[in-house]
Amino acid sequence: MSNNQTYLTTDELSGRIKYDPRTIRNVLKDSVLLEGIHYFRPFGGRKILYIWDRIETDMQKISAGQVSNCLQ
């Protein structure tokens, strides 16, 4: 992983995407936000760090795809 990526805790991610931290942990994690792609566990521990750059990119891709589907 590159050193110039932004890593966020669940609470920090919550502030950026305006979802409750519990929703992130119980609904989005492992269904939309995938381990190894959108988050990782440093040193194999319990703490989770989210990779903001990947989450932001994927959110924009999904939004763009939904808009293009509506225009067809």
N, C-alpha and C. Protein backbone atom coordinates (compact mmCIF):
# COMPACT_ATOMS: atom_id res chain seq x y z
N MET A 1 0.83 -1.18 0.00
CA MET A 1 0.00 0.00 0.00
C MET A 1 0.88 1.23 0.00
N SER A 2 0.45 2.22 -0.71
CA SER A 2 1.20 3.46 -0.84
C SER A 2 1.09 4.31 0.42
N ASN A 3 2.15 5.03 0.73
CA ASN A 3 2.15 5.87 1.93
C ASN A 3 1.31 7.12 1.78
N ASN A 4 0.92 7.49 0.57
CA ASN A 4 0.16 8.72 0.39
C ASN A 4 -1.35 8.51 0.47
N GLN A 5 -1.79 7.35 0.91
CA GLN A 5 -3.22 7.09 1.06
C GLN A 5 -3.69 7.60 2.42
N THR A 6 -4.97 7.92 2.49
CA THR A 6 -5.57 8.40 3.73
C THR A 6 -6.29 7.23 4.39
N TYR A 7 -5.90 6.95 5.62
CA TYR A 7 -6.52 5.88 6.40
C TYR A 7 -7.44 6.49 7.44
N LEU A 8 -8.64 5.93 7.59
CA LEU A 8 -9.64 6.47 8.50
C LEU A 8 -10.15 5.40 9.44
N THR A 9 -10.47 5.80 10.67
CA THR A 9 -11.18 4.92 11.58
C THR A 9 -12.66 4.90 11.18
N THR A 10 -13.43 4.05 11.80
CA THR A 10 -14.86 3.98 11.51
C THR A 10 -15.53 5.32 11.81
N ASP A 11 -15.18 5.95 12.92
CA ASP A 11 -15.79 7.23 13.27
C ASP A 11 -15.41 8.33 12.27
N GLU A 12 -14.17 8.33 11.82
CA GLU A 12 -13.74 9.33 10.83
C GLU A 12 -14.45 9.11 9.49
N LEU A 13 -14.57 7.85 9.08
CA LEU A 13 -15.29 7.54 7.84
C LEU A 13 -16.75 7.96 7.96
N SER A 14 -17.33 7.73 9.11
CA SER A 14 -18.71 8.12 9.37
C SER A 14 -18.92 9.61 9.11
N GLY A 15 -17.99 10.43 9.56
CA GLY A 15 -18.08 11.86 9.34
C GLY A 15 -18.00 12.25 7.87
N ARG A 16 -17.25 11.50 7.11
CA ARG A 16 -17.08 11.83 5.68
C ARG A 16 -18.26 11.38 4.83
N ILE A 17 -18.81 10.20 5.11
CA ILE A 17 -19.88 9.69 4.25
C ILE A 17 -21.27 9.85 4.86
N LYS A 18 -21.32 10.42 6.06
CA LYS A 18 -22.60 10.74 6.72
C LYS A 18 -23.46 9.51 6.99
N TYR A 19 -22.81 8.43 7.38
CA TYR A 19 -23.49 7.23 7.87
C TYR A 19 -23.10 7.03 9.32
N ASP A 20 -24.01 6.52 10.11
CA ASP A 20 -23.72 6.22 11.50
C ASP A 20 -22.63 5.16 11.57
N PRO A 21 -21.71 5.25 12.54
CA PRO A 21 -20.66 4.23 12.66
C PRO A 21 -21.21 2.81 12.77
N ARG A 22 -22.35 2.66 13.44
CA ARG A 22 -22.95 1.31 13.56
C ARG A 22 -23.40 0.79 12.20
N THR A 23 -23.90 1.67 11.35
CA THR A 23 -24.31 1.25 10.00
C THR A 23 -23.10 0.80 9.21
N ILE A 24 -22.00 1.52 9.34
CA ILE A 24 -20.77 1.12 8.65
C ILE A 24 -20.33 -0.25 9.12
N ARG A 25 -20.30 -0.46 10.44
CA ARG A 25 -19.84 -1.74 10.99
C ARG A 25 -20.79 -2.89 10.69
N ASN A 26 -22.09 -2.65 10.80
CA ASN A 26 -23.06 -3.74 10.72
C ASN A 26 -23.66 -3.98 9.34
N VAL A 27 -23.65 -2.97 8.48
CA VAL A 27 -24.31 -3.10 7.17
C VAL A 27 -23.32 -3.00 6.02
N LEU A 28 -22.50 -1.96 6.00
CA LEU A 28 -21.63 -1.72 4.85
C LEU A 28 -20.39 -2.61 4.85
N LYS A 29 -19.79 -2.81 6.03
CA LYS A 29 -18.57 -3.61 6.11
C LYS A 29 -18.87 -5.04 5.68
N ASP A 30 -18.08 -5.54 4.79
CA ASP A 30 -18.16 -6.91 4.25
C ASP A 30 -19.30 -7.13 3.26
N SER A 31 -20.11 -6.11 2.98
CA SER A 31 -21.08 -6.23 1.89
C SER A 31 -20.73 -5.25 0.78
N VAL A 32 -20.43 -4.02 1.15
CA VAL A 32 -20.03 -2.99 0.18
C VAL A 32 -18.56 -2.65 0.36
N LEU A 33 -18.14 -2.52 1.60
CA LEU A 33 -16.74 -2.22 1.92
C LEU A 33 -16.04 -3.54 2.25
N LEU A 34 -15.11 -3.92 1.40
CA LEU A 34 -14.52 -5.25 1.48
C LEU A 34 -13.10 -5.22 2.05
N GLU A 35 -12.83 -6.19 2.92
CA GLU A 35 -11.50 -6.30 3.51
C GLU A 35 -10.48 -6.59 2.42
N GLY A 36 -9.36 -5.89 2.48
CA GLY A 36 -8.31 -6.04 1.48
C GLY A 36 -8.46 -5.09 0.31
N ILE A 37 -9.64 -4.52 0.16
CA ILE A 37 -9.88 -3.53 -0.90
C ILE A 37 -10.16 -2.17 -0.28
N HIS A 38 -11.15 -2.12 0.60
CA HIS A 38 -11.57 -0.86 1.21
C HIS A 38 -11.07 -0.69 2.64
N TYR A 39 -10.68 -1.76 3.28
CA TYR A 39 -10.16 -1.64 4.64
C TYR A 39 -9.20 -2.78 4.93
N PHE A 40 -8.44 -2.60 5.99
CA PHE A 40 -7.53 -3.64 6.45
C PHE A 40 -7.39 -3.56 7.96
N ARG A 41 -6.82 -4.61 8.52
CA ARG A 41 -6.58 -4.69 9.96
C ARG A 41 -5.07 -4.64 10.19
N PRO A 42 -4.56 -3.48 10.63
CA PRO A 42 -3.10 -3.37 10.80
C PRO A 42 -2.58 -4.39 11.81
N PHE A 43 -1.49 -4.99 11.45
CA PHE A 43 -0.79 -5.96 12.31
C PHE A 43 -1.68 -7.13 12.71
N GLY A 44 -2.72 -7.41 11.92
CA GLY A 44 -3.59 -8.55 12.18
C GLY A 44 -4.48 -8.40 13.40
N GLY A 45 -4.62 -7.18 13.90
CA GLY A 45 -5.42 -6.94 15.10
C GLY A 45 -6.89 -6.75 14.81
N ARG A 46 -7.60 -6.27 15.82
CA ARG A 46 -9.05 -6.05 15.68
C ARG A 46 -9.38 -4.70 15.06
N LYS A 47 -8.50 -3.73 15.24
CA LYS A 47 -8.75 -2.38 14.73
C LYS A 47 -8.84 -2.40 13.21
N ILE A 48 -9.77 -1.62 12.68
CA ILE A 48 -9.96 -1.53 11.24
C ILE A 48 -9.61 -0.13 10.78
N LEU A 49 -8.84 -0.04 9.70
CA LEU A 49 -8.57 1.23 9.06
C LEU A 49 -9.12 1.18 7.64
N TYR A 50 -9.91 2.18 7.31
CA TYR A 50 -10.52 2.27 5.98
C TYR A 50 -9.62 3.08 5.07
N ILE A 51 -9.55 2.69 3.81
CA ILE A 51 -8.71 3.36 2.82
C ILE A 51 -9.61 4.34 2.07
N TRP A 52 -9.53 5.61 2.45
CA TRP A 52 -10.45 6.61 1.93
C TRP A 52 -10.40 6.73 0.42
N ASP A 53 -9.22 6.74 -0.16
CA ASP A 53 -9.08 6.94 -1.61
C ASP A 53 -9.86 5.89 -2.40
N ARG A 54 -9.79 4.65 -1.96
CA ARG A 54 -10.50 3.57 -2.66
C ARG A 54 -12.00 3.67 -2.46
N ILE A 55 -12.41 4.02 -1.25
CA ILE A 55 -13.85 4.16 -0.98
C ILE A 55 -14.43 5.29 -1.81
N GLU A 56 -13.74 6.42 -1.83
CA GLU A 56 -14.22 7.58 -2.60
C GLU A 56 -14.31 7.25 -4.09
N THR A 57 -13.29 6.59 -4.62
CA THR A 57 -13.28 6.22 -6.03
C THR A 57 -14.45 5.29 -6.36
N ASP A 58 -14.67 4.28 -5.53
CA ASP A 58 -15.76 3.33 -5.78
C ASP A 58 -17.13 3.98 -5.63
N MET A 59 -17.28 4.90 -4.67
CA MET A 59 -18.56 5.59 -4.52
C MET A 59 -18.87 6.41 -5.77
N GLN A 60 -17.86 7.05 -6.34
CA GLN A 60 -18.07 7.85 -7.54
C GLN A 60 -18.36 6.97 -8.75
N LYS A 61 -17.72 5.81 -8.84
CA LYS A 61 -17.99 4.89 -9.95
C LYS A 61 -19.43 4.41 -9.90
N ILE A 62 -19.88 4.05 -8.72
CA ILE A 62 -21.25 3.55 -8.56
C ILE A 62 -22.24 4.65 -8.91
N SER A 63 -21.99 5.86 -8.44
CA SER A 63 -22.89 6.99 -8.74
C SER A 63 -22.93 7.26 -10.23
N ALA A 64 -21.78 7.26 -10.89
CA ALA A 64 -21.73 7.52 -12.33
C ALA A 64 -22.47 6.42 -13.09
N GLY A 65 -22.33 5.17 -12.66
CA GLY A 65 -23.02 4.06 -13.30
C GLY A 65 -24.52 4.16 -13.16
N GLN A 66 -24.99 4.59 -12.00
CA GLN A 66 -26.43 4.74 -11.79
C GLN A 66 -26.99 5.86 -12.66
N VAL A 67 -26.25 6.94 -12.80
CA VAL A 67 -26.71 8.05 -13.63
C VAL A 67 -26.78 7.62 -15.09
N SER A 68 -25.75 6.92 -15.57
CA SER A 68 -25.76 6.50 -16.98
C SER A 68 -26.88 5.50 -17.25
N ASN A 69 -27.21 4.65 -16.28
CA ASN A 69 -28.32 3.72 -16.46
C ASN A 69 -29.65 4.46 -16.56
N CYS A 70 -29.79 5.54 -15.83
CA CYS A 70 -31.03 6.32 -15.86
C CYS A 70 -31.19 7.05 -17.19
N LEU A 71 -30.08 7.38 -17.84
CA LEU A 71 -30.13 8.14 -19.08
C LEU A 71 -30.42 7.25 -20.29
N GLN A 72 -30.34 5.95 -20.14
CA GLN A 72 -30.54 5.05 -21.27
C GLN A 72 -32.01 4.82 -21.53
